[in-house]
N, C-alpha and C. Protein backbone atom coordinates (compact mmCIF):
# COMPACT_ATOMS: atom_id res chain seq x y z
N MET A 1 63.06 -79.92 15.65
CA MET A 1 61.68 -79.38 15.67
C MET A 1 60.71 -80.43 15.14
N PRO A 2 59.62 -80.67 15.85
CA PRO A 2 58.66 -81.69 15.41
C PRO A 2 58.13 -81.40 14.02
N ARG A 3 57.85 -82.45 13.30
CA ARG A 3 57.39 -82.31 11.92
C ARG A 3 56.08 -81.53 11.83
N ASN A 4 55.16 -81.75 12.78
CA ASN A 4 53.88 -81.06 12.72
C ASN A 4 54.04 -79.56 12.94
N LYS A 5 55.11 -79.16 13.66
CA LYS A 5 55.36 -77.74 13.85
C LYS A 5 55.78 -77.10 12.54
N TYR A 6 56.63 -77.79 11.77
CA TYR A 6 56.99 -77.31 10.44
C TYR A 6 55.73 -77.14 9.59
N SER A 7 54.83 -78.10 9.68
CA SER A 7 53.61 -78.08 8.89
C SER A 7 52.75 -76.88 9.24
N GLU A 8 52.63 -76.59 10.55
CA GLU A 8 51.83 -75.45 10.99
C GLU A 8 52.48 -74.14 10.56
N GLU A 9 53.81 -74.09 10.59
CA GLU A 9 54.50 -72.88 10.16
C GLU A 9 54.30 -72.64 8.66
N THR A 10 54.32 -73.72 7.89
CA THR A 10 54.09 -73.60 6.45
C THR A 10 52.68 -73.11 6.17
N LYS A 11 51.71 -73.67 6.87
CA LYS A 11 50.32 -73.25 6.70
C LYS A 11 50.16 -71.77 7.04
N GLN A 12 50.84 -71.32 8.09
CA GLN A 12 50.76 -69.92 8.48
C GLN A 12 51.39 -69.02 7.42
N LEU A 13 52.48 -69.47 6.81
CA LEU A 13 53.11 -68.70 5.73
C LEU A 13 52.15 -68.53 4.55
N ILE A 14 51.42 -69.59 4.24
CA ILE A 14 50.43 -69.53 3.15
C ILE A 14 49.34 -68.52 3.48
N LEU A 15 48.83 -68.59 4.70
CA LEU A 15 47.76 -67.68 5.11
C LEU A 15 48.25 -66.24 5.13
N ASP A 16 49.45 -66.00 5.61
CA ASP A 16 50.01 -64.64 5.65
C ASP A 16 50.15 -64.08 4.23
N ALA A 17 50.66 -64.93 3.32
CA ALA A 17 50.84 -64.49 1.93
C ALA A 17 49.50 -64.20 1.28
N ALA A 18 48.53 -65.06 1.51
CA ALA A 18 47.20 -64.88 0.92
C ALA A 18 46.52 -63.63 1.46
N LEU A 19 46.63 -63.39 2.77
CA LEU A 19 46.01 -62.21 3.37
C LEU A 19 46.57 -60.94 2.75
N LYS A 20 47.87 -60.87 2.60
CA LYS A 20 48.52 -59.71 2.00
C LYS A 20 48.00 -59.46 0.59
N LEU A 21 47.91 -60.52 -0.19
CA LEU A 21 47.49 -60.39 -1.59
C LEU A 21 46.00 -60.11 -1.71
N PHE A 22 45.17 -60.77 -0.90
CA PHE A 22 43.73 -60.54 -0.97
C PHE A 22 43.39 -59.08 -0.65
N ILE A 23 44.12 -58.50 0.30
CA ILE A 23 43.86 -57.11 0.67
C ILE A 23 44.41 -56.15 -0.38
N GLU A 24 45.60 -56.45 -0.89
CA GLU A 24 46.23 -55.55 -1.87
C GLU A 24 45.59 -55.65 -3.25
N LYS A 25 45.34 -56.88 -3.72
CA LYS A 25 44.86 -57.09 -5.08
C LYS A 25 43.38 -57.47 -5.17
N GLY A 26 42.86 -58.01 -4.09
CA GLY A 26 41.51 -58.55 -4.11
C GLY A 26 41.53 -60.04 -4.35
N TYR A 27 40.50 -60.74 -3.89
CA TYR A 27 40.44 -62.19 -4.03
C TYR A 27 40.43 -62.63 -5.49
N GLU A 28 39.62 -61.97 -6.29
CA GLU A 28 39.44 -62.37 -7.68
C GLU A 28 40.71 -62.22 -8.49
N GLN A 29 41.49 -61.18 -8.19
CA GLN A 29 42.70 -60.90 -8.97
C GLN A 29 43.91 -61.71 -8.49
N THR A 30 43.79 -62.36 -7.35
CA THR A 30 44.90 -63.13 -6.80
C THR A 30 44.83 -64.58 -7.28
N THR A 31 45.95 -65.11 -7.74
CA THR A 31 46.01 -66.51 -8.18
C THR A 31 46.80 -67.33 -7.17
N ILE A 32 46.69 -68.63 -7.29
CA ILE A 32 47.49 -69.51 -6.42
C ILE A 32 48.97 -69.30 -6.67
N LEU A 33 49.36 -69.06 -7.94
CA LEU A 33 50.76 -68.78 -8.25
C LEU A 33 51.24 -67.51 -7.57
N ASP A 34 50.34 -66.51 -7.47
CA ASP A 34 50.69 -65.28 -6.74
C ASP A 34 50.99 -65.60 -5.28
N ILE A 35 50.14 -66.43 -4.69
CA ILE A 35 50.32 -66.80 -3.28
C ILE A 35 51.64 -67.55 -3.10
N VAL A 36 51.91 -68.51 -3.99
CA VAL A 36 53.16 -69.27 -3.92
C VAL A 36 54.36 -68.33 -4.02
N GLY A 37 54.24 -67.31 -4.89
CA GLY A 37 55.33 -66.35 -5.06
C GLY A 37 55.61 -65.52 -3.83
N GLU A 38 54.62 -65.42 -2.93
CA GLU A 38 54.78 -64.65 -1.69
C GLU A 38 55.18 -65.52 -0.51
N MET A 39 55.41 -66.82 -0.76
CA MET A 39 55.61 -67.76 0.33
C MET A 39 57.08 -67.97 0.72
N GLY A 40 57.94 -67.09 0.28
CA GLY A 40 59.33 -67.15 0.72
C GLY A 40 60.09 -68.37 0.28
N GLY A 41 59.92 -68.78 -0.98
CA GLY A 41 60.68 -69.90 -1.52
C GLY A 41 60.01 -71.24 -1.43
N LEU A 42 58.85 -71.32 -0.80
CA LEU A 42 58.13 -72.59 -0.76
C LEU A 42 57.51 -72.89 -2.12
N THR A 43 57.19 -74.14 -2.36
CA THR A 43 56.74 -74.58 -3.67
C THR A 43 55.22 -74.73 -3.72
N ARG A 44 54.73 -74.94 -4.94
CA ARG A 44 53.29 -75.22 -5.10
C ARG A 44 52.90 -76.49 -4.36
N GLY A 45 53.84 -77.44 -4.30
CA GLY A 45 53.58 -78.67 -3.57
C GLY A 45 53.26 -78.41 -2.11
N ALA A 46 53.99 -77.45 -1.53
CA ALA A 46 53.74 -77.08 -0.13
C ALA A 46 52.34 -76.48 0.01
N PHE A 47 51.95 -75.67 -0.98
CA PHE A 47 50.61 -75.08 -0.95
C PHE A 47 49.54 -76.17 -1.00
N TYR A 48 49.65 -77.04 -2.00
CA TYR A 48 48.61 -78.06 -2.20
C TYR A 48 48.61 -79.14 -1.11
N HIS A 49 49.68 -79.20 -0.34
CA HIS A 49 49.69 -80.12 0.80
C HIS A 49 48.67 -79.67 1.86
N HIS A 50 48.44 -78.36 1.92
CA HIS A 50 47.54 -77.80 2.94
C HIS A 50 46.18 -77.38 2.39
N PHE A 51 46.16 -76.92 1.15
CA PHE A 51 44.92 -76.41 0.57
C PHE A 51 44.73 -76.91 -0.86
N LYS A 52 43.50 -77.25 -1.19
CA LYS A 52 43.21 -77.71 -2.55
C LYS A 52 42.88 -76.54 -3.47
N THR A 53 42.27 -75.51 -2.93
CA THR A 53 41.81 -74.38 -3.75
C THR A 53 42.08 -73.06 -3.04
N LYS A 54 41.99 -71.99 -3.81
CA LYS A 54 42.10 -70.63 -3.26
C LYS A 54 40.92 -70.35 -2.33
N GLU A 55 39.77 -70.91 -2.66
CA GLU A 55 38.57 -70.75 -1.83
C GLU A 55 38.80 -71.28 -0.42
N GLU A 56 39.45 -72.44 -0.31
CA GLU A 56 39.75 -73.01 1.00
C GLU A 56 40.65 -72.07 1.80
N VAL A 57 41.60 -71.44 1.13
CA VAL A 57 42.48 -70.50 1.80
C VAL A 57 41.68 -69.33 2.35
N PHE A 58 40.75 -68.83 1.55
CA PHE A 58 39.94 -67.68 1.97
C PHE A 58 39.17 -67.99 3.25
N PHE A 59 38.46 -69.10 3.27
CA PHE A 59 37.66 -69.43 4.44
C PHE A 59 38.53 -69.78 5.64
N ALA A 60 39.69 -70.36 5.40
CA ALA A 60 40.63 -70.62 6.50
C ALA A 60 41.11 -69.30 7.09
N LEU A 61 41.31 -68.31 6.22
CA LEU A 61 41.75 -66.99 6.68
C LEU A 61 40.68 -66.30 7.51
N THR A 62 39.45 -66.29 7.01
CA THR A 62 38.38 -65.61 7.75
C THR A 62 38.14 -66.30 9.10
N ASP A 63 38.25 -67.63 9.12
CA ASP A 63 38.09 -68.36 10.38
C ASP A 63 39.21 -67.99 11.36
N LYS A 64 40.44 -67.92 10.84
CA LYS A 64 41.57 -67.60 11.71
C LYS A 64 41.47 -66.19 12.26
N LEU A 65 41.13 -65.22 11.39
CA LEU A 65 41.01 -63.85 11.85
C LEU A 65 39.90 -63.72 12.90
N PHE A 66 38.79 -64.41 12.65
CA PHE A 66 37.68 -64.38 13.62
C PHE A 66 38.14 -64.96 14.96
N ASN A 67 38.85 -66.08 14.92
CA ASN A 67 39.32 -66.72 16.15
C ASN A 67 40.35 -65.84 16.86
N ASP A 68 41.16 -65.11 16.08
CA ASP A 68 42.15 -64.21 16.68
C ASP A 68 41.45 -63.03 17.37
N ILE A 69 40.37 -62.56 16.77
CA ILE A 69 39.63 -61.43 17.35
C ILE A 69 38.92 -61.85 18.64
N GLU A 70 38.38 -63.07 18.67
CA GLU A 70 37.70 -63.65 19.82
C GLU A 70 36.62 -62.74 20.40
N PRO A 71 35.66 -62.28 19.59
CA PRO A 71 34.65 -61.35 20.11
C PRO A 71 33.79 -61.94 21.23
N PHE A 72 33.42 -63.21 21.10
CA PHE A 72 32.56 -63.81 22.12
C PHE A 72 33.33 -64.14 23.39
N ALA A 73 34.59 -64.52 23.24
CA ALA A 73 35.41 -64.82 24.42
C ALA A 73 35.65 -63.56 25.24
N LYS A 74 35.78 -62.42 24.56
CA LYS A 74 36.08 -61.16 25.24
C LYS A 74 34.91 -60.66 26.09
N ILE A 75 33.70 -61.07 25.75
CA ILE A 75 32.55 -60.59 26.52
C ILE A 75 32.00 -61.65 27.47
N LYS A 76 32.51 -62.88 27.34
CA LYS A 76 32.00 -63.98 28.15
C LYS A 76 32.27 -63.71 29.64
N GLY A 77 31.26 -63.88 30.45
CA GLY A 77 31.43 -63.74 31.88
C GLY A 77 31.37 -62.31 32.40
N ARG A 78 31.25 -61.34 31.51
CA ARG A 78 31.18 -59.95 31.98
C ARG A 78 29.83 -59.69 32.66
N THR A 79 29.88 -59.08 33.81
CA THR A 79 28.66 -58.80 34.56
C THR A 79 28.33 -57.31 34.61
N ASP A 80 29.20 -56.50 34.01
CA ASP A 80 28.99 -55.05 34.05
C ASP A 80 28.12 -54.54 32.91
N ILE A 81 27.80 -55.42 31.94
CA ILE A 81 26.95 -55.03 30.82
C ILE A 81 25.87 -56.09 30.61
N ASN A 82 24.73 -55.67 30.04
CA ASN A 82 23.63 -56.60 29.83
C ASN A 82 23.73 -57.30 28.47
N GLY A 83 22.76 -58.14 28.15
CA GLY A 83 22.80 -58.93 26.93
C GLY A 83 22.83 -58.07 25.67
N LEU A 84 22.00 -57.03 25.63
CA LEU A 84 21.97 -56.15 24.47
C LEU A 84 23.30 -55.44 24.29
N GLU A 85 23.88 -54.96 25.36
CA GLU A 85 25.18 -54.27 25.29
C GLU A 85 26.28 -55.23 24.85
N LYS A 86 26.15 -56.50 25.21
CA LYS A 86 27.15 -57.49 24.79
C LYS A 86 27.09 -57.69 23.26
N ILE A 87 25.88 -57.69 22.69
CA ILE A 87 25.76 -57.83 21.24
C ILE A 87 26.37 -56.62 20.55
N LYS A 88 26.09 -55.43 21.06
CA LYS A 88 26.67 -54.21 20.49
C LYS A 88 28.19 -54.24 20.55
N LEU A 89 28.72 -54.69 21.68
CA LEU A 89 30.17 -54.76 21.85
C LEU A 89 30.78 -55.80 20.92
N THR A 90 30.09 -56.92 20.72
CA THR A 90 30.56 -57.94 19.79
C THR A 90 30.69 -57.38 18.38
N LEU A 91 29.67 -56.65 17.94
CA LEU A 91 29.70 -56.04 16.61
C LEU A 91 30.83 -55.02 16.51
N GLN A 92 31.04 -54.25 17.56
CA GLN A 92 32.10 -53.27 17.56
C GLN A 92 33.47 -53.93 17.44
N ILE A 93 33.69 -54.98 18.23
CA ILE A 93 34.97 -55.69 18.21
C ILE A 93 35.26 -56.25 16.83
N LEU A 94 34.24 -56.87 16.20
CA LEU A 94 34.43 -57.46 14.88
C LEU A 94 34.78 -56.40 13.85
N ASN A 95 34.07 -55.27 13.89
CA ASN A 95 34.26 -54.24 12.87
C ASN A 95 35.50 -53.39 13.10
N GLU A 96 36.12 -53.52 14.26
CA GLU A 96 37.36 -52.79 14.50
C GLU A 96 38.56 -53.47 13.83
N SER A 97 38.37 -54.69 13.36
CA SER A 97 39.43 -55.39 12.62
C SER A 97 39.31 -55.05 11.14
N GLU A 98 40.18 -54.19 10.65
CA GLU A 98 40.12 -53.76 9.26
C GLU A 98 40.36 -54.94 8.31
N GLU A 99 41.27 -55.83 8.67
CA GLU A 99 41.57 -56.98 7.81
C GLU A 99 40.35 -57.88 7.67
N TYR A 100 39.67 -58.15 8.78
CA TYR A 100 38.49 -59.00 8.74
C TYR A 100 37.38 -58.35 7.93
N ALA A 101 37.17 -57.04 8.12
CA ALA A 101 36.14 -56.32 7.39
C ALA A 101 36.41 -56.34 5.89
N LYS A 102 37.67 -56.15 5.50
CA LYS A 102 38.01 -56.14 4.08
C LYS A 102 37.81 -57.50 3.44
N LEU A 103 38.13 -58.56 4.16
CA LEU A 103 37.91 -59.91 3.62
C LEU A 103 36.42 -60.20 3.46
N GLN A 104 35.62 -59.75 4.41
CA GLN A 104 34.18 -59.98 4.33
C GLN A 104 33.58 -59.32 3.10
N LEU A 105 34.17 -58.23 2.65
CA LEU A 105 33.65 -57.53 1.47
C LEU A 105 33.99 -58.24 0.17
N GLN A 106 34.79 -59.31 0.26
CA GLN A 106 35.18 -60.03 -0.95
C GLN A 106 34.43 -61.35 -1.10
N ILE A 107 33.30 -61.46 -0.42
CA ILE A 107 32.49 -62.68 -0.51
C ILE A 107 31.92 -62.87 -1.91
N LEU A 108 31.52 -61.77 -2.56
CA LEU A 108 30.85 -61.88 -3.87
C LEU A 108 31.67 -62.62 -4.91
N PRO A 109 32.98 -62.30 -5.10
CA PRO A 109 33.75 -63.06 -6.09
C PRO A 109 33.74 -64.57 -5.83
N LEU A 110 33.72 -64.96 -4.56
CA LEU A 110 33.65 -66.39 -4.24
C LEU A 110 32.32 -66.98 -4.68
N ILE A 111 31.25 -66.25 -4.40
CA ILE A 111 29.91 -66.73 -4.76
C ILE A 111 29.79 -66.89 -6.26
N GLU A 112 30.36 -65.94 -7.00
CA GLU A 112 30.27 -65.98 -8.45
C GLU A 112 31.12 -67.08 -9.06
N SER A 113 32.26 -67.39 -8.42
CA SER A 113 33.19 -68.36 -9.01
C SER A 113 32.97 -69.78 -8.50
N SER A 114 32.25 -69.92 -7.38
CA SER A 114 32.07 -71.25 -6.81
C SER A 114 30.64 -71.42 -6.31
N PRO A 115 29.93 -72.43 -6.79
CA PRO A 115 28.55 -72.65 -6.33
C PRO A 115 28.45 -73.08 -4.88
N THR A 116 29.56 -73.52 -4.30
CA THR A 116 29.52 -73.98 -2.91
C THR A 116 29.89 -72.88 -1.91
N ALA A 117 30.46 -71.78 -2.40
CA ALA A 117 30.96 -70.75 -1.49
C ALA A 117 29.85 -70.13 -0.66
N PHE A 118 28.73 -69.78 -1.30
CA PHE A 118 27.64 -69.16 -0.56
C PHE A 118 27.06 -70.14 0.46
N LYS A 119 27.00 -71.40 0.08
CA LYS A 119 26.50 -72.43 1.00
C LYS A 119 27.39 -72.51 2.23
N ILE A 120 28.71 -72.46 2.03
CA ILE A 120 29.65 -72.50 3.14
C ILE A 120 29.46 -71.27 4.03
N TYR A 121 29.34 -70.10 3.39
CA TYR A 121 29.16 -68.85 4.13
C TYR A 121 27.90 -68.90 4.98
N MET A 122 26.79 -69.34 4.38
CA MET A 122 25.52 -69.39 5.10
C MET A 122 25.54 -70.44 6.20
N GLU A 123 26.24 -71.53 5.97
CA GLU A 123 26.33 -72.58 6.99
C GLU A 123 27.05 -72.06 8.23
N LYS A 124 28.08 -71.25 8.02
CA LYS A 124 28.78 -70.65 9.15
C LYS A 124 27.86 -69.70 9.91
N GLN A 125 27.03 -68.96 9.17
CA GLN A 125 26.08 -68.05 9.80
C GLN A 125 25.06 -68.85 10.61
N ARG A 126 24.55 -69.91 10.00
CA ARG A 126 23.43 -70.66 10.58
C ARG A 126 23.84 -71.46 11.80
N THR A 127 25.03 -72.00 11.80
CA THR A 127 25.43 -72.89 12.89
C THR A 127 26.16 -72.11 14.00
N PHE A 128 27.40 -71.75 13.75
CA PHE A 128 28.22 -71.15 14.81
C PHE A 128 27.71 -69.79 15.26
N LEU A 129 27.60 -68.83 14.35
CA LEU A 129 27.23 -67.47 14.74
C LEU A 129 25.83 -67.39 15.33
N ALA A 130 24.88 -68.05 14.69
CA ALA A 130 23.50 -68.00 15.18
C ALA A 130 23.39 -68.52 16.61
N SER A 131 24.11 -69.59 16.91
CA SER A 131 24.04 -70.15 18.27
C SER A 131 24.66 -69.19 19.29
N LYS A 132 25.76 -68.53 18.91
CA LYS A 132 26.40 -67.59 19.83
C LYS A 132 25.51 -66.38 20.11
N TYR A 133 24.90 -65.84 19.04
CA TYR A 133 24.02 -64.69 19.23
C TYR A 133 22.74 -65.09 19.96
N ALA A 134 22.28 -66.30 19.73
CA ALA A 134 21.09 -66.78 20.45
C ALA A 134 21.34 -66.80 21.95
N GLU A 135 22.54 -67.18 22.36
CA GLU A 135 22.89 -67.19 23.78
C GLU A 135 22.83 -65.77 24.36
N LEU A 136 23.35 -64.80 23.59
CA LEU A 136 23.34 -63.41 24.07
C LEU A 136 21.92 -62.85 24.09
N ILE A 137 21.13 -63.22 23.09
CA ILE A 137 19.74 -62.76 23.06
C ILE A 137 18.96 -63.33 24.24
N GLU A 138 19.19 -64.61 24.54
CA GLU A 138 18.52 -65.22 25.69
C GLU A 138 18.94 -64.53 26.98
N GLU A 139 20.22 -64.19 27.07
CA GLU A 139 20.70 -63.46 28.25
C GLU A 139 20.01 -62.11 28.35
N GLY A 140 19.86 -61.43 27.20
CA GLY A 140 19.18 -60.14 27.20
C GLY A 140 17.72 -60.24 27.56
N ILE A 141 17.08 -61.32 27.13
CA ILE A 141 15.67 -61.54 27.50
C ILE A 141 15.56 -61.71 29.02
N ASN A 142 16.49 -62.45 29.58
CA ASN A 142 16.45 -62.72 31.03
C ASN A 142 16.74 -61.47 31.86
N ASP A 143 17.62 -60.59 31.33
CA ASP A 143 17.93 -59.39 32.12
C ASP A 143 17.05 -58.19 31.73
N GLY A 144 16.15 -58.39 30.75
CA GLY A 144 15.19 -57.37 30.38
C GLY A 144 15.66 -56.36 29.34
N SER A 145 16.88 -56.52 28.83
CA SER A 145 17.40 -55.55 27.86
C SER A 145 16.94 -55.84 26.44
N ILE A 146 16.44 -57.07 26.18
CA ILE A 146 15.98 -57.47 24.85
C ILE A 146 14.53 -57.95 24.94
N LYS A 147 13.69 -57.41 24.07
CA LYS A 147 12.27 -57.77 24.06
C LYS A 147 12.00 -58.72 22.89
N ALA A 148 12.39 -59.95 23.02
CA ALA A 148 12.16 -60.97 21.99
C ALA A 148 11.63 -62.22 22.67
N LYS A 149 10.99 -63.08 21.89
CA LYS A 149 10.40 -64.30 22.46
C LYS A 149 11.20 -65.55 22.12
N TYR A 150 11.79 -65.57 20.94
CA TYR A 150 12.42 -66.80 20.47
C TYR A 150 13.90 -66.52 20.14
N PRO A 151 14.81 -66.79 21.05
CA PRO A 151 16.24 -66.47 20.85
C PRO A 151 16.84 -67.05 19.57
N LYS A 152 16.59 -68.31 19.30
CA LYS A 152 17.19 -68.97 18.13
C LYS A 152 16.70 -68.34 16.83
N LEU A 153 15.39 -68.19 16.69
CA LEU A 153 14.83 -67.62 15.46
C LEU A 153 15.21 -66.15 15.32
N THR A 154 15.23 -65.43 16.42
CA THR A 154 15.62 -64.03 16.39
C THR A 154 17.06 -63.88 15.94
N ALA A 155 17.94 -64.74 16.44
CA ALA A 155 19.36 -64.70 16.06
C ALA A 155 19.52 -64.98 14.57
N GLU A 156 18.78 -65.95 14.05
CA GLU A 156 18.88 -66.28 12.63
C GLU A 156 18.44 -65.12 11.75
N LEU A 157 17.31 -64.48 12.11
CA LEU A 157 16.83 -63.34 11.34
C LEU A 157 17.77 -62.16 11.45
N PHE A 158 18.29 -61.94 12.64
CA PHE A 158 19.25 -60.86 12.88
C PHE A 158 20.46 -60.99 11.96
N LEU A 159 21.01 -62.20 11.85
CA LEU A 159 22.17 -62.44 11.01
C LEU A 159 21.83 -62.32 9.52
N LEU A 160 20.64 -62.78 9.13
CA LEU A 160 20.24 -62.64 7.73
C LEU A 160 20.18 -61.17 7.32
N ILE A 161 19.70 -60.34 8.23
CA ILE A 161 19.58 -58.91 7.93
C ILE A 161 20.95 -58.23 7.94
N CYS A 162 21.71 -58.46 9.00
CA CYS A 162 22.98 -57.74 9.17
C CYS A 162 24.13 -58.30 8.34
N ASN A 163 24.17 -59.61 8.15
CA ASN A 163 25.31 -60.22 7.47
C ASN A 163 25.02 -60.70 6.05
N VAL A 164 23.77 -60.58 5.61
CA VAL A 164 23.44 -60.97 4.24
C VAL A 164 22.74 -59.82 3.52
N TRP A 165 21.60 -59.39 4.03
CA TRP A 165 20.83 -58.36 3.35
C TRP A 165 21.56 -57.02 3.30
N MET A 166 22.35 -56.71 4.34
CA MET A 166 23.11 -55.46 4.36
C MET A 166 24.49 -55.61 3.73
N MET A 167 24.83 -56.81 3.27
CA MET A 167 26.14 -57.02 2.66
C MET A 167 26.13 -56.44 1.24
N PRO A 168 26.90 -55.36 0.99
CA PRO A 168 26.84 -54.70 -0.32
C PRO A 168 27.30 -55.57 -1.48
N THR A 169 28.16 -56.55 -1.20
CA THR A 169 28.60 -57.42 -2.28
C THR A 169 27.54 -58.43 -2.68
N ILE A 170 26.54 -58.64 -1.82
CA ILE A 170 25.44 -59.55 -2.14
C ILE A 170 24.23 -58.78 -2.66
N TYR A 171 23.92 -57.66 -1.99
CA TYR A 171 22.82 -56.78 -2.41
C TYR A 171 23.39 -55.38 -2.67
N PRO A 172 23.94 -55.15 -3.87
CA PRO A 172 24.54 -53.84 -4.16
C PRO A 172 23.50 -52.72 -4.08
N GLN A 173 23.94 -51.56 -3.56
CA GLN A 173 23.07 -50.40 -3.50
C GLN A 173 23.47 -49.42 -4.59
N ALA A 174 22.47 -48.79 -5.20
CA ALA A 174 22.72 -47.95 -6.36
C ALA A 174 23.47 -46.68 -6.01
N ASN A 175 23.22 -46.14 -4.83
CA ASN A 175 23.82 -44.86 -4.45
C ASN A 175 23.78 -44.70 -2.94
N GLU A 176 24.30 -43.57 -2.47
CA GLU A 176 24.36 -43.33 -1.03
C GLU A 176 22.97 -43.27 -0.40
N LYS A 177 22.03 -42.66 -1.11
CA LYS A 177 20.67 -42.54 -0.58
C LYS A 177 20.07 -43.91 -0.34
N GLU A 178 20.21 -44.80 -1.31
CA GLU A 178 19.67 -46.16 -1.14
C GLU A 178 20.38 -46.90 -0.04
N ALA A 179 21.68 -46.65 0.14
CA ALA A 179 22.44 -47.31 1.20
C ALA A 179 21.88 -46.93 2.57
N TRP A 180 21.60 -45.65 2.76
CA TRP A 180 21.06 -45.22 4.05
C TRP A 180 19.62 -45.69 4.23
N GLN A 181 18.88 -45.76 3.15
CA GLN A 181 17.52 -46.30 3.24
C GLN A 181 17.56 -47.75 3.71
N ARG A 182 18.52 -48.51 3.19
CA ARG A 182 18.66 -49.92 3.59
C ARG A 182 19.05 -50.02 5.07
N PHE A 183 19.99 -49.18 5.48
CA PHE A 183 20.41 -49.20 6.88
C PHE A 183 19.24 -48.87 7.80
N ASN A 184 18.48 -47.82 7.46
CA ASN A 184 17.36 -47.41 8.31
C ASN A 184 16.25 -48.47 8.34
N MET A 185 16.03 -49.13 7.21
CA MET A 185 15.02 -50.19 7.19
C MET A 185 15.50 -51.37 8.03
N ALA A 186 16.78 -51.70 7.93
CA ALA A 186 17.33 -52.78 8.75
C ALA A 186 17.19 -52.43 10.23
N LYS A 187 17.42 -51.17 10.57
CA LYS A 187 17.28 -50.73 11.96
C LYS A 187 15.84 -50.94 12.44
N ASN A 188 14.88 -50.57 11.60
CA ASN A 188 13.47 -50.75 11.98
C ASN A 188 13.13 -52.22 12.19
N ILE A 189 13.69 -53.08 11.34
CA ILE A 189 13.39 -54.52 11.44
C ILE A 189 13.98 -55.12 12.72
N VAL A 190 15.27 -54.81 13.00
CA VAL A 190 15.87 -55.40 14.20
C VAL A 190 15.27 -54.79 15.47
N ASP A 191 14.83 -53.53 15.38
CA ASP A 191 14.10 -52.94 16.51
C ASP A 191 12.82 -53.73 16.77
N PHE A 192 12.11 -54.07 15.68
CA PHE A 192 10.87 -54.83 15.80
C PHE A 192 11.13 -56.22 16.37
N LEU A 193 12.27 -56.79 16.02
CA LEU A 193 12.63 -58.11 16.55
C LEU A 193 12.94 -58.05 18.03
N GLY A 194 13.17 -56.84 18.54
CA GLY A 194 13.49 -56.68 19.95
C GLY A 194 14.96 -56.63 20.25
N VAL A 195 15.79 -56.45 19.19
CA VAL A 195 17.25 -56.39 19.36
C VAL A 195 17.74 -55.06 18.77
N PRO A 196 17.49 -53.94 19.43
CA PRO A 196 17.82 -52.62 18.86
C PRO A 196 19.30 -52.28 18.95
N VAL A 197 20.10 -52.92 18.13
CA VAL A 197 21.55 -52.68 18.16
C VAL A 197 22.00 -51.67 17.11
N LEU A 198 21.19 -51.46 16.06
CA LEU A 198 21.56 -50.51 15.01
C LEU A 198 21.06 -49.12 15.42
N ASP A 199 21.67 -48.57 16.46
CA ASP A 199 21.21 -47.31 17.00
C ASP A 199 21.93 -46.12 16.38
N LYS A 200 21.63 -44.91 16.89
CA LYS A 200 22.21 -43.69 16.33
C LYS A 200 23.73 -43.66 16.51
N LYS A 201 24.20 -44.18 17.63
CA LYS A 201 25.64 -44.22 17.87
C LYS A 201 26.34 -45.07 16.82
N LEU A 202 25.76 -46.21 16.50
CA LEU A 202 26.32 -47.06 15.47
C LEU A 202 26.22 -46.40 14.10
N ALA A 203 25.09 -45.77 13.83
CA ALA A 203 24.88 -45.11 12.53
C ALA A 203 25.92 -44.03 12.28
N SER A 204 26.38 -43.37 13.35
CA SER A 204 27.37 -42.30 13.19
C SER A 204 28.72 -42.83 12.76
N HIS A 205 28.92 -44.15 12.88
CA HIS A 205 30.19 -44.76 12.48
C HIS A 205 30.08 -45.55 11.18
N VAL A 206 28.90 -45.54 10.56
CA VAL A 206 28.75 -46.27 9.30
C VAL A 206 29.50 -45.53 8.21
N ALA A 207 30.22 -46.28 7.39
CA ALA A 207 31.00 -45.68 6.31
C ALA A 207 30.35 -45.93 4.96
N ILE A 208 30.53 -44.97 4.05
CA ILE A 208 30.03 -45.10 2.69
C ILE A 208 31.23 -45.10 1.75
N THR A 209 31.31 -46.07 0.86
CA THR A 209 32.42 -46.15 -0.08
C THR A 209 32.19 -45.22 -1.26
N GLU A 210 33.16 -45.20 -2.18
CA GLU A 210 33.01 -44.40 -3.38
C GLU A 210 31.82 -44.85 -4.21
N GLU A 211 31.46 -46.13 -4.09
CA GLU A 211 30.31 -46.66 -4.83
C GLU A 211 28.99 -46.34 -4.14
N GLY A 212 29.06 -45.73 -2.95
CA GLY A 212 27.85 -45.34 -2.24
C GLY A 212 27.18 -46.47 -1.50
N ILE A 213 27.95 -47.34 -0.86
CA ILE A 213 27.35 -48.46 -0.14
C ILE A 213 27.86 -48.51 1.30
N VAL A 214 26.99 -48.94 2.21
CA VAL A 214 27.39 -49.11 3.60
C VAL A 214 28.29 -50.33 3.70
N VAL A 215 29.47 -50.16 4.26
CA VAL A 215 30.39 -51.28 4.28
C VAL A 215 30.92 -51.69 5.64
N GLU A 216 31.09 -50.77 6.56
CA GLU A 216 31.75 -51.16 7.80
C GLU A 216 31.47 -50.15 8.89
N VAL A 217 31.85 -50.52 10.11
CA VAL A 217 31.83 -49.59 11.21
C VAL A 217 33.24 -49.05 11.39
N LYS A 218 33.39 -47.75 11.35
CA LYS A 218 34.71 -47.17 11.48
C LYS A 218 35.28 -47.42 12.87
N LYS A 219 36.61 -47.47 12.93
CA LYS A 219 37.26 -47.70 14.22
C LYS A 219 37.01 -46.52 15.14
N ARG A 220 36.73 -46.80 16.41
CA ARG A 220 36.47 -45.75 17.37
C ARG A 220 37.79 -45.19 17.88
């Protein structure tokens, strides 16, 4: 077996172990030694050969899960739905992954423990995601389903509202009432931007945790 294949298998073992622990214990409560203990006999040396920090593992995991979900690839080339419907479907596909949703809710511990974590998170929003949504918004403008003028700027604002301002780990809500107020205000803002994706159908699937915060779209 080629050496690089062994290396990829080892990296996958690390990611599998970390995913299990991050979901069961949470990012903050999981240590590198915990991850090593779940790696089936591999050593800390094997871990550090692939990752320098637990933070690197987290972002590698979220990237891998996102790539496995392939929300943009699944809608690419579809002619049976318009640009606005493609954005709605993209959001649905992403939120149907419970593992991805749970990891996204653990952003706050990273931000608190590492000054670079939020920068990394925002950079991913600003570069990759914003460009993908800008393409869909432009498609919606062309087919008449989206009433916006500037695809790039609209995509950036859309992501700031949906992936930052509505993120309960970044902007905690005091109770259920405030959570719904935030959701409804976000709906009004994205409607004004010309991208009305936070509709009543989506609202019916919004979940509230024990802490009273909007966290995810329930699986259909």
